[in-house]
Amino acid sequence: MPRYIVERSFTETGGFPVDRRGALTSAAVVERNADAGVTWLCSYVRDDKKKSFCLYEAPSPEAVRRAAERSGLPIDRITRVTVLDPHAYRTQGGGNA
């Protein structure tokens, strides 16, 4: 399944609150995403909480957009990405990278 980084900008209120309300909101987003064949893997949030970078698995960027629209989430940019694991470059002789 292709992976995408989704960049989002938020107002001064930021993204999801870290409380019960945020947990309920997150659960609802996960459910709506699943209906569109989209899986939210994780998010990184800037310290000021005005920008997030979310990692998704989805069949297409359009599926990510549809899921975001259903949840009322903004999208600044969608970028298809692949995983680069630095640990894969370790030598087999037990040396450090």
N, C-alpha and C. Protein backbone atom coordinates (compact mmCIF):
# COMPACT_ATOMS: atom_id res chain seq x y z
N MET A 1 0.86 -1.18 0.00
CA MET A 1 0.00 0.00 0.00
C MET A 1 0.90 1.23 0.00
N PRO A 2 0.64 2.20 -0.86
CA PRO A 2 1.44 3.43 -0.88
C PRO A 2 1.30 4.21 0.44
N ARG A 3 2.36 4.94 0.76
CA ARG A 3 2.37 5.79 1.96
C ARG A 3 2.47 7.26 1.55
N TYR A 4 1.83 8.11 2.35
CA TYR A 4 1.80 9.54 2.07
C TYR A 4 2.04 10.33 3.34
N ILE A 5 2.78 11.43 3.21
CA ILE A 5 2.89 12.43 4.27
C ILE A 5 1.90 13.53 3.92
N VAL A 6 1.06 13.87 4.89
CA VAL A 6 0.08 14.94 4.70
C VAL A 6 0.46 16.09 5.62
N GLU A 7 0.71 17.25 5.01
CA GLU A 7 1.01 18.45 5.79
C GLU A 7 -0.29 19.21 6.00
N ARG A 8 -0.50 19.64 7.25
CA ARG A 8 -1.70 20.38 7.61
C ARG A 8 -1.31 21.62 8.41
N SER A 9 -2.01 22.70 8.16
CA SER A 9 -1.86 23.92 8.97
C SER A 9 -3.14 24.12 9.76
N PHE A 10 -2.98 24.52 11.02
CA PHE A 10 -4.12 24.75 11.89
C PHE A 10 -4.13 26.20 12.37
N THR A 11 -5.29 26.63 12.84
CA THR A 11 -5.41 27.96 13.41
C THR A 11 -4.74 27.97 14.78
N GLU A 12 -4.88 29.04 15.50
CA GLU A 12 -4.27 29.15 16.82
C GLU A 12 -4.78 28.09 17.80
N THR A 13 -5.90 27.43 17.47
CA THR A 13 -6.42 26.40 18.38
C THR A 13 -5.66 25.09 18.25
N GLY A 14 -4.89 24.94 17.21
CA GLY A 14 -4.10 23.72 17.05
C GLY A 14 -4.93 22.55 16.59
N GLY A 15 -4.35 21.35 16.67
CA GLY A 15 -5.00 20.12 16.23
C GLY A 15 -5.85 19.52 17.34
N PHE A 16 -5.76 18.21 17.51
CA PHE A 16 -6.57 17.52 18.52
C PHE A 16 -6.07 17.85 19.92
N PRO A 17 -6.98 18.14 20.84
CA PRO A 17 -6.57 18.33 22.24
C PRO A 17 -6.13 16.99 22.83
N VAL A 18 -5.25 17.04 23.81
CA VAL A 18 -4.77 15.81 24.45
C VAL A 18 -5.62 15.58 25.70
N ASP A 19 -6.84 15.13 25.47
CA ASP A 19 -7.77 14.83 26.54
C ASP A 19 -8.83 13.86 25.99
N ARG A 20 -9.86 13.62 26.74
CA ARG A 20 -10.91 12.68 26.30
C ARG A 20 -11.55 13.14 25.00
N ARG A 21 -11.79 14.42 24.86
CA ARG A 21 -12.39 14.93 23.62
C ARG A 21 -11.50 14.63 22.42
N GLY A 22 -10.18 14.82 22.59
CA GLY A 22 -9.24 14.51 21.53
C GLY A 22 -9.23 13.03 21.19
N ALA A 23 -9.33 12.18 22.21
CA ALA A 23 -9.36 10.73 21.99
C ALA A 23 -10.59 10.33 21.19
N LEU A 24 -11.73 10.92 21.52
CA LEU A 24 -12.97 10.62 20.79
C LEU A 24 -12.88 11.12 19.35
N THR A 25 -12.32 12.31 19.17
CA THR A 25 -12.16 12.87 17.82
C THR A 25 -11.24 11.98 16.99
N SER A 26 -10.12 11.56 17.58
CA SER A 26 -9.17 10.69 16.87
C SER A 26 -9.83 9.38 16.47
N ALA A 27 -10.60 8.79 17.37
CA ALA A 27 -11.27 7.52 17.07
C ALA A 27 -12.26 7.70 15.91
N ALA A 28 -12.96 8.81 15.89
CA ALA A 28 -13.92 9.07 14.81
C ALA A 28 -13.18 9.24 13.47
N VAL A 29 -12.04 9.92 13.49
CA VAL A 29 -11.25 10.10 12.27
C VAL A 29 -10.76 8.75 11.76
N VAL A 30 -10.26 7.91 12.66
CA VAL A 30 -9.78 6.58 12.27
C VAL A 30 -10.90 5.78 11.61
N GLU A 31 -12.09 5.86 12.17
CA GLU A 31 -13.24 5.12 11.62
C GLU A 31 -13.61 5.64 10.23
N ARG A 32 -13.68 6.96 10.06
CA ARG A 32 -14.01 7.53 8.75
C ARG A 32 -12.92 7.21 7.73
N ASN A 33 -11.66 7.24 8.16
CA ASN A 33 -10.56 6.89 7.25
C ASN A 33 -10.71 5.45 6.76
N ALA A 34 -11.04 4.54 7.67
CA ALA A 34 -11.16 3.13 7.31
C ALA A 34 -12.24 2.94 6.24
N ASP A 35 -13.31 3.71 6.34
CA ASP A 35 -14.38 3.63 5.33
C ASP A 35 -13.85 3.99 3.94
N ALA A 36 -12.79 4.81 3.88
CA ALA A 36 -12.20 5.24 2.59
C ALA A 36 -10.97 4.40 2.23
N GLY A 37 -10.65 3.37 3.03
CA GLY A 37 -9.48 2.54 2.76
C GLY A 37 -8.18 3.21 3.13
N VAL A 38 -8.24 4.17 4.07
CA VAL A 38 -7.09 4.96 4.48
C VAL A 38 -6.73 4.60 5.92
N THR A 39 -5.42 4.42 6.19
CA THR A 39 -4.95 4.12 7.54
C THR A 39 -4.02 5.23 8.00
N TRP A 40 -4.36 5.86 9.12
CA TRP A 40 -3.54 6.90 9.74
C TRP A 40 -2.52 6.18 10.61
N LEU A 41 -1.24 6.29 10.26
CA LEU A 41 -0.20 5.58 10.99
C LEU A 41 0.33 6.37 12.18
N CYS A 42 0.62 7.65 11.98
CA CYS A 42 1.09 8.50 13.08
C CYS A 42 1.16 9.93 12.59
N SER A 43 1.35 10.84 13.52
CA SER A 43 1.49 12.26 13.19
C SER A 43 2.60 12.88 14.01
N TYR A 44 3.25 13.85 13.41
CA TYR A 44 4.24 14.68 14.10
C TYR A 44 3.69 16.08 14.10
N VAL A 45 3.71 16.72 15.28
CA VAL A 45 3.11 18.04 15.43
C VAL A 45 4.19 19.03 15.85
N ARG A 46 4.23 20.15 15.16
CA ARG A 46 5.19 21.20 15.50
C ARG A 46 4.91 21.71 16.90
N ASP A 47 5.93 22.22 17.59
CA ASP A 47 5.78 22.68 18.97
C ASP A 47 4.66 23.69 19.16
N ASP A 48 4.46 24.57 18.18
CA ASP A 48 3.40 25.59 18.32
C ASP A 48 2.02 25.03 17.98
N LYS A 49 1.95 23.76 17.61
CA LYS A 49 0.70 23.04 17.30
C LYS A 49 -0.06 23.62 16.12
N LYS A 50 0.60 24.40 15.30
CA LYS A 50 -0.06 25.00 14.14
C LYS A 50 0.22 24.24 12.85
N LYS A 51 1.07 23.23 12.90
CA LYS A 51 1.40 22.45 11.71
C LYS A 51 1.60 21.00 12.12
N SER A 52 1.06 20.09 11.30
CA SER A 52 1.29 18.67 11.55
C SER A 52 1.72 17.99 10.26
N PHE A 53 2.40 16.87 10.44
CA PHE A 53 2.89 16.03 9.35
C PHE A 53 2.41 14.62 9.68
N CYS A 54 1.44 14.14 8.92
CA CYS A 54 0.78 12.88 9.24
C CYS A 54 1.13 11.82 8.21
N LEU A 55 1.44 10.62 8.68
CA LEU A 55 1.79 9.52 7.80
C LEU A 55 0.57 8.62 7.63
N TYR A 56 0.23 8.35 6.37
CA TYR A 56 -0.92 7.52 6.02
C TYR A 56 -0.53 6.43 5.05
N GLU A 57 -1.27 5.33 5.09
CA GLU A 57 -1.28 4.34 4.03
C GLU A 57 -2.64 4.48 3.35
N ALA A 58 -2.61 4.56 2.02
CA ALA A 58 -3.85 4.76 1.28
C ALA A 58 -3.66 4.33 -0.17
N PRO A 59 -4.75 3.98 -0.83
CA PRO A 59 -4.63 3.57 -2.22
C PRO A 59 -4.26 4.71 -3.16
N SER A 60 -4.55 5.96 -2.76
CA SER A 60 -4.27 7.11 -3.63
C SER A 60 -4.34 8.40 -2.83
N PRO A 61 -3.76 9.49 -3.37
CA PRO A 61 -3.91 10.78 -2.72
C PRO A 61 -5.38 11.21 -2.65
N GLU A 62 -6.15 10.83 -3.66
CA GLU A 62 -7.57 11.20 -3.67
C GLU A 62 -8.32 10.55 -2.51
N ALA A 63 -7.95 9.32 -2.16
CA ALA A 63 -8.57 8.66 -1.01
C ALA A 63 -8.24 9.40 0.28
N VAL A 64 -7.00 9.88 0.39
CA VAL A 64 -6.60 10.68 1.57
C VAL A 64 -7.42 11.96 1.62
N ARG A 65 -7.59 12.62 0.48
CA ARG A 65 -8.38 13.87 0.44
C ARG A 65 -9.84 13.62 0.84
N ARG A 66 -10.42 12.55 0.31
CA ARG A 66 -11.83 12.24 0.64
C ARG A 66 -11.98 11.99 2.14
N ALA A 67 -11.04 11.23 2.72
CA ALA A 67 -11.11 10.95 4.16
C ALA A 67 -10.96 12.23 4.97
N ALA A 68 -10.04 13.10 4.56
CA ALA A 68 -9.84 14.37 5.28
C ALA A 68 -11.08 15.25 5.20
N GLU A 69 -11.70 15.31 4.03
CA GLU A 69 -12.92 16.12 3.87
C GLU A 69 -14.02 15.61 4.78
N ARG A 70 -14.17 14.29 4.88
CA ARG A 70 -15.20 13.71 5.75
C ARG A 70 -14.97 14.07 7.21
N SER A 71 -13.71 14.27 7.58
CA SER A 71 -13.38 14.60 8.97
C SER A 71 -13.21 16.10 9.20
N GLY A 72 -13.34 16.88 8.14
CA GLY A 72 -13.19 18.33 8.28
C GLY A 72 -11.76 18.76 8.55
N LEU A 73 -10.80 17.98 8.05
CA LEU A 73 -9.38 18.29 8.29
C LEU A 73 -8.78 18.98 7.07
N PRO A 74 -7.96 20.00 7.32
CA PRO A 74 -7.32 20.68 6.19
C PRO A 74 -6.17 19.86 5.62
N ILE A 75 -5.83 20.12 4.37
CA ILE A 75 -4.65 19.53 3.74
C ILE A 75 -3.93 20.63 3.00
N ASP A 76 -2.65 20.83 3.33
CA ASP A 76 -1.81 21.77 2.59
C ASP A 76 -1.12 21.07 1.44
N ARG A 77 -0.65 19.85 1.71
CA ARG A 77 0.14 19.13 0.71
C ARG A 77 0.12 17.64 1.02
N ILE A 78 0.09 16.83 -0.04
CA ILE A 78 0.21 15.37 0.08
C ILE A 78 1.43 14.96 -0.73
N THR A 79 2.33 14.20 -0.09
CA THR A 79 3.54 13.74 -0.76
C THR A 79 3.65 12.23 -0.60
N ARG A 80 3.79 11.52 -1.72
CA ARG A 80 4.01 10.08 -1.63
C ARG A 80 5.44 9.84 -1.15
N VAL A 81 5.60 8.92 -0.20
CA VAL A 81 6.92 8.65 0.38
C VAL A 81 7.18 7.14 0.44
N THR A 82 8.46 6.80 0.59
CA THR A 82 8.86 5.43 0.86
C THR A 82 9.71 5.44 2.12
N VAL A 83 9.85 4.31 2.74
CA VAL A 83 10.60 4.19 3.99
C VAL A 83 12.09 4.01 3.67
N LEU A 84 12.91 4.77 4.34
CA LEU A 84 14.36 4.60 4.30
C LEU A 84 14.78 4.28 5.72
N ASP A 85 15.17 3.05 5.95
CA ASP A 85 15.53 2.59 7.29
C ASP A 85 17.06 2.61 7.41
N PRO A 86 17.63 3.52 8.22
CA PRO A 86 19.08 3.60 8.32
C PRO A 86 19.70 2.34 8.91
N HIS A 87 18.92 1.56 9.65
CA HIS A 87 19.45 0.34 10.25
C HIS A 87 19.73 -0.74 9.20
N ALA A 88 19.11 -0.61 8.03
CA ALA A 88 19.34 -1.59 6.96
C ALA A 88 20.75 -1.46 6.40
N TYR A 89 21.43 -0.35 6.67
CA TYR A 89 22.76 -0.11 6.14
C TYR A 89 23.88 -0.60 7.06
N ARG A 90 23.54 -1.17 8.18
CA ARG A 90 24.56 -1.68 9.10
C ARG A 90 25.30 -2.83 8.43
N THR A 91 26.57 -2.92 8.70
CA THR A 91 27.34 -4.02 8.11
C THR A 91 26.94 -5.33 8.74
N GLN A 92 27.05 -6.39 7.99
CA GLN A 92 26.68 -7.70 8.52
C GLN A 92 27.71 -8.25 9.48
N GLY A 93 28.90 -7.66 9.50
CA GLY A 93 29.94 -8.14 10.39
C GLY A 93 29.79 -7.65 11.82
N GLY A 94 28.66 -7.02 12.14
CA GLY A 94 28.42 -6.55 13.50
C GLY A 94 28.95 -5.16 13.77
N GLY A 95 29.51 -4.49 12.76
CA GLY A 95 30.01 -3.14 12.94
C GLY A 95 28.88 -2.14 13.05
N ASN A 96 29.21 -0.99 13.54
CA ASN A 96 28.21 0.07 13.64
C ASN A 96 28.17 0.88 12.37
N ALA A 97 27.02 1.45 12.11
CA ALA A 97 26.84 2.28 10.91
C ALA A 97 27.58 3.59 11.05
